[in-house]
Amino acid sequence: TTENIEQAIERAGTKAGNKGYDCAMGAIEMVNLIDQF
């Protein structure tokens, strides 16, 4: 959760990187791992 537009912009892909992308990739990795078992 962001409290202002600056935090939202930073979270979307500046210094911190794109956290939504990171989260999605983690979810895909988990699905692929579960499919192996």
PDB file of N, CA and C in Angstrom:
ATOM      1  N   THR A   1       0.847  -1.184   0.000  1.00  0.00           N
ATOM      2  CA  THR A   1       0.000   0.000   0.000  1.00  0.00           C
ATOM      3  C   THR A   1       0.882   1.232   0.000  1.00  0.00           C
ATOM      4  N   THR A   2       0.550   2.142  -0.850  1.00  0.00           N
ATOM      5  CA  THR A   2       1.296   3.397  -0.898  1.00  0.00           C
ATOM      6  C   THR A   2       0.452   4.518  -0.315  1.00  0.00           C
ATOM      7  N   GLU A   3       1.130   5.521   0.203  1.00  0.00           N
ATOM      8  CA  GLU A   3       0.433   6.639   0.826  1.00  0.00           C
ATOM      9  C   GLU A   3       0.382   7.874  -0.056  1.00  0.00           C
ATOM     10  N   ASN A   4       1.173   7.894  -1.136  1.00  0.00           N
ATOM     11  CA  ASN A   4       1.156   9.055  -2.024  1.00  0.00           C
ATOM     12  C   ASN A   4       1.663   8.647  -3.405  1.00  0.00           C
ATOM     13  N   ILE A   5       1.565   9.564  -4.352  1.00  0.00           N
ATOM     14  CA  ILE A   5       1.935   9.263  -5.740  1.00  0.00           C
ATOM     15  C   ILE A   5       3.424   8.975  -5.877  1.00  0.00           C
ATOM     16  N   GLU A   6       4.245   9.630  -5.078  1.00  0.00           N
ATOM     17  CA  GLU A   6       5.691   9.389  -5.155  1.00  0.00           C
ATOM     18  C   GLU A   6       6.021   7.945  -4.775  1.00  0.00           C
ATOM     19  N   GLN A   7       5.385   7.447  -3.722  1.00  0.00           N
ATOM     20  CA  GLN A   7       5.611   6.062  -3.318  1.00  0.00           C
ATOM     21  C   GLN A   7       5.116   5.097  -4.401  1.00  0.00           C
ATOM     22  N   ALA A   8       3.993   5.403  -5.000  1.00  0.00           N
ATOM     23  CA  ALA A   8       3.448   4.537  -6.049  1.00  0.00           C
ATOM     24  C   ALA A   8       4.383   4.471  -7.247  1.00  0.00           C
ATOM     25  N   ILE A   9       4.911   5.620  -7.648  1.00  0.00           N
ATOM     26  CA  ILE A   9       5.835   5.655  -8.783  1.00  0.00           C
ATOM     27  C   ILE A   9       7.108   4.888  -8.451  1.00  0.00           C
ATOM     28  N   GLU A  10       7.635   5.079  -7.252  1.00  0.00           N
ATOM     29  CA  GLU A  10       8.851   4.366  -6.859  1.00  0.00           C
ATOM     30  C   GLU A  10       8.616   2.864  -6.840  1.00  0.00           C
ATOM     31  N   ARG A  11       7.490   2.437  -6.327  1.00  0.00           N
ATOM     32  CA  ARG A  11       7.184   1.009  -6.238  1.00  0.00           C
ATOM     33  C   ARG A  11       6.969   0.387  -7.618  1.00  0.00           C
ATOM     34  N   ALA A  12       6.558   1.200  -8.574  1.00  0.00           N
ATOM     35  CA  ALA A  12       6.251   0.681  -9.906  1.00  0.00           C
ATOM     36  C   ALA A  12       7.480   0.495 -10.781  1.00  0.00           C
ATOM     37  N   GLY A  13       8.661   0.852 -10.311  1.00  0.00           N
ATOM     38  CA  GLY A  13       9.802   0.516 -11.136  1.00  0.00           C
ATOM     39  C   GLY A  13      10.953   1.480 -11.152  1.00  0.00           C
ATOM     40  N   THR A  14      11.183   2.242 -10.121  1.00  0.00           N
ATOM     41  CA  THR A  14      12.384   3.076 -10.102  1.00  0.00           C
ATOM     42  C   THR A  14      13.440   2.377  -9.265  1.00  0.00           C
ATOM     43  N   LYS A  15      13.858   2.976  -8.179  1.00  0.00           N
ATOM     44  CA  LYS A  15      14.946   2.414  -7.366  1.00  0.00           C
ATOM     45  C   LYS A  15      14.641   1.016  -6.845  1.00  0.00           C
ATOM     46  N   ALA A  16      13.431   0.795  -6.400  1.00  0.00           N
ATOM     47  CA  ALA A  16      13.080  -0.480  -5.778  1.00  0.00           C
ATOM     48  C   ALA A  16      12.792  -1.575  -6.794  1.00  0.00           C
ATOM     49  N   GLY A  17      12.663  -1.255  -8.056  1.00  0.00           N
ATOM     50  CA  GLY A  17      12.285  -2.243  -9.055  1.00  0.00           C
ATOM     51  C   GLY A  17      10.779  -2.403  -9.091  1.00  0.00           C
ATOM     52  N   ASN A  18      10.294  -3.173 -10.026  1.00  0.00           N
ATOM     53  CA  ASN A  18       8.853  -3.359 -10.176  1.00  0.00           C
ATOM     54  C   ASN A  18       8.404  -4.503  -9.281  1.00  0.00           C
ATOM     55  N   LYS A  19       7.786  -4.191  -8.169  1.00  0.00           N
ATOM     56  CA  LYS A  19       7.402  -5.213  -7.193  1.00  0.00           C
ATOM     57  C   LYS A  19       6.273  -6.104  -7.702  1.00  0.00           C
ATOM     58  N   GLY A  20       5.393  -5.571  -8.536  1.00  0.00           N
ATOM     59  CA  GLY A  20       4.330  -6.399  -9.105  1.00  0.00           C
ATOM     60  C   GLY A  20       4.903  -7.494  -9.984  1.00  0.00           C
ATOM     61  N   TYR A  21       5.885  -7.141 -10.794  1.00  0.00           N
ATOM     62  CA  TYR A  21       6.554  -8.121 -11.656  1.00  0.00           C
ATOM     63  C   TYR A  21       7.245  -9.179 -10.801  1.00  0.00           C
ATOM     64  N   ASP A  22       7.960  -8.734  -9.768  1.00  0.00           N
ATOM     65  CA  ASP A  22       8.657  -9.670  -8.889  1.00  0.00           C
ATOM     66  C   ASP A  22       7.680 -10.650  -8.243  1.00  0.00           C
ATOM     67  N   CYS A  23       6.550 -10.147  -7.802  1.00  0.00           N
ATOM     68  CA  CYS A  23       5.535 -10.987  -7.169  1.00  0.00           C
ATOM     69  C   CYS A  23       4.957 -11.989  -8.164  1.00  0.00           C
ATOM     70  N   ALA A  24       4.649 -11.536  -9.365  1.00  0.00           N
ATOM     71  CA  ALA A  24       4.095 -12.421 -10.391  1.00  0.00           C
ATOM     72  C   ALA A  24       5.085 -13.519 -10.753  1.00  0.00           C
ATOM     73  N   MET A  25       6.341 -13.165 -10.888  1.00  0.00           N
ATOM     74  CA  MET A  25       7.351 -14.174 -11.224  1.00  0.00           C
ATOM     75  C   MET A  25       7.491 -15.195 -10.098  1.00  0.00           C
ATOM     76  N   GLY A  26       7.412 -14.743  -8.863  1.00  0.00           N
ATOM     77  CA  GLY A  26       7.459 -15.664  -7.726  1.00  0.00           C
ATOM     78  C   GLY A  26       6.280 -16.624  -7.741  1.00  0.00           C
ATOM     79  N   ALA A  27       5.094 -16.123  -8.071  1.00  0.00           N
ATOM     80  CA  ALA A  27       3.908 -16.976  -8.139  1.00  0.00           C
ATOM     81  C   ALA A  27       4.046 -18.013  -9.248  1.00  0.00           C
ATOM     82  N   ILE A  28       4.563 -17.601 -10.389  1.00  0.00           N
ATOM     83  CA  ILE A  28       4.764 -18.539 -11.504  1.00  0.00           C
ATOM     84  C   ILE A  28       5.778 -19.609 -11.121  1.00  0.00           C
ATOM     85  N   GLU A  29       6.843 -19.215 -10.454  1.00  0.00           N
ATOM     86  CA  GLU A  29       7.836 -20.196 -10.003  1.00  0.00           C
ATOM     87  C   GLU A  29       7.214 -21.203  -9.046  1.00  0.00           C
ATOM     88  N   MET A  30       6.348 -20.741  -8.144  1.00  0.00           N
ATOM     89  CA  MET A  30       5.706 -21.650  -7.194  1.00  0.00           C
ATOM     90  C   MET A  30       4.793 -22.637  -7.920  1.00  0.00           C
ATOM     91  N   VAL A  31       4.027 -22.165  -8.899  1.00  0.00           N
ATOM     92  CA  VAL A  31       3.148 -23.052  -9.671  1.00  0.00           C
ATOM     93  C   VAL A  31       3.975 -24.097 -10.401  1.00  0.00           C
ATOM     94  N   ASN A  32       5.066 -23.678 -11.020  1.00  0.00           N
ATOM     95  CA  ASN A  32       5.924 -24.628 -11.733  1.00  0.00           C
ATOM     96  C   ASN A  32       6.527 -25.641 -10.777  1.00  0.00           C
ATOM     97  N   LEU A  33       6.896 -25.208  -9.593  1.00  0.00           N
ATOM     98  CA  LEU A  33       7.467 -26.116  -8.599  1.00  0.00           C
ATOM     99  C   LEU A  33       6.427 -27.134  -8.142  1.00  0.00           C
ATOM    100  N   ILE A  34       5.213 -26.671  -7.884  1.00  0.00           N
ATOM    101  CA  ILE A  34       4.139 -27.572  -7.454  1.00  0.00           C
ATOM    102  C   ILE A  34       3.823 -28.586  -8.549  1.00  0.00           C
ATOM    103  N   ASP A  35       3.855 -28.160  -9.815  1.00  0.00           N
ATOM    104  CA  ASP A  35       3.569 -29.065 -10.930  1.00  0.00           C
ATOM    105  C   ASP A  35       4.589 -30.192 -11.034  1.00  0.00           C
ATOM    106  N   GLN A  36       5.772 -30.010 -10.485  1.00  0.00           N
ATOM    107  CA  GLN A  36       6.812 -31.038 -10.560  1.00  0.00           C
ATOM    108  C   GLN A  36       6.527 -32.203  -9.614  1.00  0.00           C
ATOM    109  N   PHE A  37       5.640 -32.007  -8.652  1.00  0.00           N
ATOM    110  CA  PHE A  37       5.388 -33.055  -7.658  1.00  0.00           C
ATOM    111  C   PHE A  37       4.069 -33.712  -7.830  1.00  0.00           C
TER     112      PHE A  37
END
